[in-house]
């Protein structure tokens, strides 16, 4: 799947527009035709995982819904250079992912608030856009 970003809206394959207006119902129409999977299912909360390309990057997107409402979008760079399993984990590589993610977010030219973080407990670097 290919990602484009126009005016703070993440658009996948020119079909799915991810922004604060996206409902779970709209997302499920897209999901039925494309490869997505449930990441966390804890009603009324559900998180879906999407893999997509943005320029030279492979990204992992997580869409968090509370009932019908998209509450946040979390994304990170998905690449073997940072490791592919816990056996490969190193803090040095994860800090590099965070730095690369900071550069990517800057290049995206988004004007919405974004939280960039490296969580030491989970060993995960990501960017988060909150919609509520």
C-alpha atoms as a PDB file:
ATOM      1  CA  UNK A   1       0.000   0.000   0.000  1.00  0.00           C
ATOM      2  CA  UNK A   2       1.234   3.477  -0.827  1.00  0.00           C
ATOM      3  CA  UNK A   3       0.910   6.455   1.480  1.00  0.00           C
ATOM      4  CA  UNK A   4       0.548  10.092   0.468  1.00  0.00           C
ATOM      5  CA  UNK A   5       0.275  12.988   2.889  1.00  0.00           C
ATOM      6  CA  UNK A   6      -1.652  16.083   1.864  1.00  0.00           C
ATOM      7  CA  UNK A   7      -2.724  18.772   4.347  1.00  0.00           C
ATOM      8  CA  UNK A   8      -2.291  16.544   7.431  1.00  0.00           C
ATOM      9  CA  UNK A   9      -4.319  13.716   5.872  1.00  0.00           C
ATOM     10  CA  UNK A  10      -2.660  10.345   5.393  1.00  0.00           C
ATOM     11  CA  UNK A  11      -4.104   8.793   2.220  1.00  0.00           C
ATOM     12  CA  UNK A  12      -3.536   5.134   1.419  1.00  0.00           C
ATOM     13  CA  UNK A  13      -3.728   3.998  -2.203  1.00  0.00           C
ATOM     14  CA  UNK A  14      -5.875   7.065  -2.982  1.00  0.00           C
ATOM     15  CA  UNK A  15      -8.755   5.243  -1.217  1.00  0.00           C
ATOM     16  CA  UNK A  16      -8.486   5.655   2.549  1.00  0.00           C
ATOM     17  CA  UNK A  17      -8.145   9.124   4.077  1.00  0.00           C
ATOM     18  CA  UNK A  18      -6.834   8.969   7.623  1.00  0.00           C
ATOM     19  CA  UNK A  19      -7.655  12.100   9.590  1.00  0.00           C
ATOM     20  CA  UNK A  20      -9.938  13.093  12.458  1.00  0.00           C
ATOM     21  CA  UNK A  21     -13.054  12.518  10.317  1.00  0.00           C
ATOM     22  CA  UNK A  22     -12.316   8.832   9.617  1.00  0.00           C
ATOM     23  CA  UNK A  23     -14.925   6.570  11.211  1.00  0.00           C
ATOM     24  CA  UNK A  24     -14.442   2.925  12.004  1.00  0.00           C
ATOM     25  CA  UNK A  25     -17.239   2.103   9.554  1.00  0.00           C
ATOM     26  CA  UNK A  26     -15.337   3.823   6.710  1.00  0.00           C
ATOM     27  CA  UNK A  27     -12.155   2.072   7.745  1.00  0.00           C
ATOM     28  CA  UNK A  28     -13.862  -1.336   7.763  1.00  0.00           C
ATOM     29  CA  UNK A  29     -14.954  -0.821   4.131  1.00  0.00           C
ATOM     30  CA  UNK A  30     -11.292  -0.291   3.241  1.00  0.00           C
ATOM     31  CA  UNK A  31     -10.212  -3.195   5.468  1.00  0.00           C
ATOM     32  CA  UNK A  32     -12.477  -5.654   3.682  1.00  0.00           C
ATOM     33  CA  UNK A  33     -10.652  -4.962   0.398  1.00  0.00           C
ATOM     34  CA  UNK A  34      -7.086  -4.637   1.687  1.00  0.00           C
ATOM     35  CA  UNK A  35      -4.548  -6.362   3.877  1.00  0.00           C
ATOM     36  CA  UNK A  36      -4.995  -5.045   7.392  1.00  0.00           C
ATOM     37  CA  UNK A  37      -5.149  -6.832  10.690  1.00  0.00           C
ATOM     38  CA  UNK A  38      -6.402  -6.303  14.193  1.00  0.00           C
ATOM     39  CA  UNK A  39      -3.546  -5.431  16.509  1.00  0.00           C
ATOM     40  CA  UNK A  40      -5.458  -5.073  19.819  1.00  0.00           C
ATOM     41  CA  UNK A  41      -9.119  -5.929  20.419  1.00  0.00           C
ATOM     42  CA  UNK A  42     -10.381  -4.724  23.793  1.00  0.00           C
ATOM     43  CA  UNK A  43     -13.967  -3.450  23.278  1.00  0.00           C
ATOM     44  CA  UNK A  44     -14.914  -0.672  22.953  1.00  0.00           C
ATOM     45  CA  UNK A  45     -11.285  -0.074  21.900  1.00  0.00           C
ATOM     46  CA  UNK A  46      -9.775  -1.668  18.828  1.00  0.00           C
ATOM     47  CA  UNK A  47      -6.486  -1.061  17.045  1.00  0.00           C
ATOM     48  CA  UNK A  48      -5.752  -1.964  13.430  1.00  0.00           C
ATOM     49  CA  UNK A  49      -2.320  -2.415  11.886  1.00  0.00           C
ATOM     50  CA  UNK A  50      -1.412  -1.351   8.337  1.00  0.00           C
ATOM     51  CA  UNK A  51       1.880  -1.611   6.479  1.00  0.00           C
ATOM     52  CA  UNK A  52       2.554   0.929   3.749  1.00  0.00           C
ATOM     53  CA  UNK A  53       5.262   2.673   1.749  1.00  0.00           C
ATOM     54  CA  UNK A  54       6.068   6.353   1.972  1.00  0.00           C
ATOM     55  CA  UNK A  55       8.885   7.396  -0.336  1.00  0.00           C
ATOM     56  CA  UNK A  56      11.823   5.105   0.463  1.00  0.00           C
ATOM     57  CA  UNK A  57      10.350   4.093   3.814  1.00  0.00           C
ATOM     58  CA  UNK A  58       8.247   1.150   4.924  1.00  0.00           C
ATOM     59  CA  UNK A  59       5.927   2.297   7.685  1.00  0.00           C
ATOM     60  CA  UNK A  60       3.842   0.504  10.255  1.00  0.00           C
ATOM     61  CA  UNK A  61       0.649   2.421  11.068  1.00  0.00           C
ATOM     62  CA  UNK A  62      -1.586   1.703  14.045  1.00  0.00           C
ATOM     63  CA  UNK A  63      -5.095   3.191  14.025  1.00  0.00           C
ATOM     64  CA  UNK A  64      -6.771   3.348  17.441  1.00  0.00           C
ATOM     65  CA  UNK A  65     -10.574   3.500  17.583  1.00  0.00           C
ATOM     66  CA  UNK A  66     -12.878   3.983  20.556  1.00  0.00           C
ATOM     67  CA  UNK A  67     -16.186   2.638  19.252  1.00  0.00           C
ATOM     68  CA  UNK A  68     -16.622   4.525  15.940  1.00  0.00           C
ATOM     69  CA  UNK A  69     -14.155   7.339  16.651  1.00  0.00           C
ATOM     70  CA  UNK A  70     -10.526   7.405  15.530  1.00  0.00           C
ATOM     71  CA  UNK A  71      -8.648   8.588  18.611  1.00  0.00           C
ATOM     72  CA  UNK A  72      -5.060   8.387  17.419  1.00  0.00           C
ATOM     73  CA  UNK A  73      -2.660   7.368  14.706  1.00  0.00           C
ATOM     74  CA  UNK A  74       0.680   5.906  15.713  1.00  0.00           C
ATOM     75  CA  UNK A  75       3.412   5.130  13.196  1.00  0.00           C
ATOM     76  CA  UNK A  76       7.021   4.050  12.994  1.00  0.00           C
ATOM     77  CA  UNK A  77       9.617   3.096  10.407  1.00  0.00           C
ATOM     78  CA  UNK A  78       9.544  -0.641   9.766  1.00  0.00           C
ATOM     79  CA  UNK A  79      13.001  -1.792   8.640  1.00  0.00           C
ATOM     80  CA  UNK A  80      15.353  -4.680   9.299  1.00  0.00           C
ATOM     81  CA  UNK A  81      18.203  -2.240   9.945  1.00  0.00           C
ATOM     82  CA  UNK A  82      16.715  -1.616  13.398  1.00  0.00           C
ATOM     83  CA  UNK A  83      16.196  -5.335  14.096  1.00  0.00           C
ATOM     84  CA  UNK A  84      13.344  -7.730  13.356  1.00  0.00           C
ATOM     85  CA  UNK A  85      12.851  -9.461  16.705  1.00  0.00           C
ATOM     86  CA  UNK A  86      13.650  -9.095  20.388  1.00  0.00           C
ATOM     87  CA  UNK A  87      16.798 -11.120  19.717  1.00  0.00           C
ATOM     88  CA  UNK A  88      17.997  -8.257  17.490  1.00  0.00           C
ATOM     89  CA  UNK A  89      16.971  -5.454  19.852  1.00  0.00           C
ATOM     90  CA  UNK A  90      19.523  -2.859  20.830  1.00  0.00           C
ATOM     91  CA  UNK A  91      18.901   0.511  22.391  1.00  0.00           C
ATOM     92  CA  UNK A  92      21.400   2.011  19.950  1.00  0.00           C
ATOM     93  CA  UNK A  93      19.341   0.833  16.949  1.00  0.00           C
ATOM     94  CA  UNK A  94      16.077   1.999  18.498  1.00  0.00           C
ATOM     95  CA  UNK A  95      17.525   5.457  19.214  1.00  0.00           C
ATOM     96  CA  UNK A  96      18.627   5.541  15.541  1.00  0.00           C
ATOM     97  CA  UNK A  97      15.053   4.653  14.514  1.00  0.00           C
ATOM     98  CA  UNK A  98      13.782   7.561  16.620  1.00  0.00           C
ATOM     99  CA  UNK A  99      16.258   9.971  14.986  1.00  0.00           C
ATOM    100  CA  UNK A 100      15.315   8.718  11.516  1.00  0.00           C
ATOM    101  CA  UNK A 101      11.650   9.053  12.430  1.00  0.00           C
ATOM    102  CA  UNK A 102      12.233  12.655  13.550  1.00  0.00           C
ATOM    103  CA  UNK A 103      13.767  13.426  10.136  1.00  0.00           C
ATOM    104  CA  UNK A 104      10.880  11.693   8.351  1.00  0.00           C
ATOM    105  CA  UNK A 105       8.214  13.576  10.324  1.00  0.00           C
ATOM    106  CA  UNK A 106       9.963  16.856   9.543  1.00  0.00           C
ATOM    107  CA  UNK A 107       9.967  15.949   5.817  1.00  0.00           C
ATOM    108  CA  UNK A 108       6.226  15.149   6.006  1.00  0.00           C
ATOM    109  CA  UNK A 109       5.567  18.857   6.759  1.00  0.00           C
ATOM    110  CA  UNK A 110       2.652  18.136   9.058  1.00  0.00           C
ATOM    111  CA  UNK A 111       1.102  21.049  10.937  1.00  0.00           C
ATOM    112  CA  UNK A 112      -0.706  18.960  13.562  1.00  0.00           C
ATOM    113  CA  UNK A 113       0.867  18.272  16.968  1.00  0.00           C
ATOM    114  CA  UNK A 114       2.947  15.077  16.909  1.00  0.00           C
ATOM    115  CA  UNK A 115       4.449  13.255  19.872  1.00  0.00           C
ATOM    116  CA  UNK A 116       7.760  11.606  18.988  1.00  0.00           C
ATOM    117  CA  UNK A 117       8.991   9.188  21.600  1.00  0.00           C
ATOM    118  CA  UNK A 118      11.241   6.319  22.481  1.00  0.00           C
ATOM    119  CA  UNK A 119       9.658   4.170  25.195  1.00  0.00           C
ATOM    120  CA  UNK A 120      12.460   2.390  27.068  1.00  0.00           C
ATOM    121  CA  UNK A 121      10.106  -0.189  28.627  1.00  0.00           C
ATOM    122  CA  UNK A 122       8.693  -1.392  25.321  1.00  0.00           C
ATOM    123  CA  UNK A 123      11.815  -0.652  23.273  1.00  0.00           C
ATOM    124  CA  UNK A 124       9.656   1.168  20.708  1.00  0.00           C
ATOM    125  CA  UNK A 125      10.106   4.482  18.900  1.00  0.00           C
ATOM    126  CA  UNK A 126       7.084   6.064  17.281  1.00  0.00           C
ATOM    127  CA  UNK A 127       5.210   9.181  16.263  1.00  0.00           C
ATOM    128  CA  UNK A 128       1.663   9.762  17.488  1.00  0.00           C
ATOM    129  CA  UNK A 129      -1.078  12.075  16.265  1.00  0.00           C
ATOM    130  CA  UNK A 130      -3.967  12.414  18.727  1.00  0.00           C
ATOM    131  CA  UNK A 131      -7.384  13.167  17.280  1.00  0.00           C
ATOM    132  CA  UNK A 132      -9.348  13.557  20.510  1.00  0.00           C
END
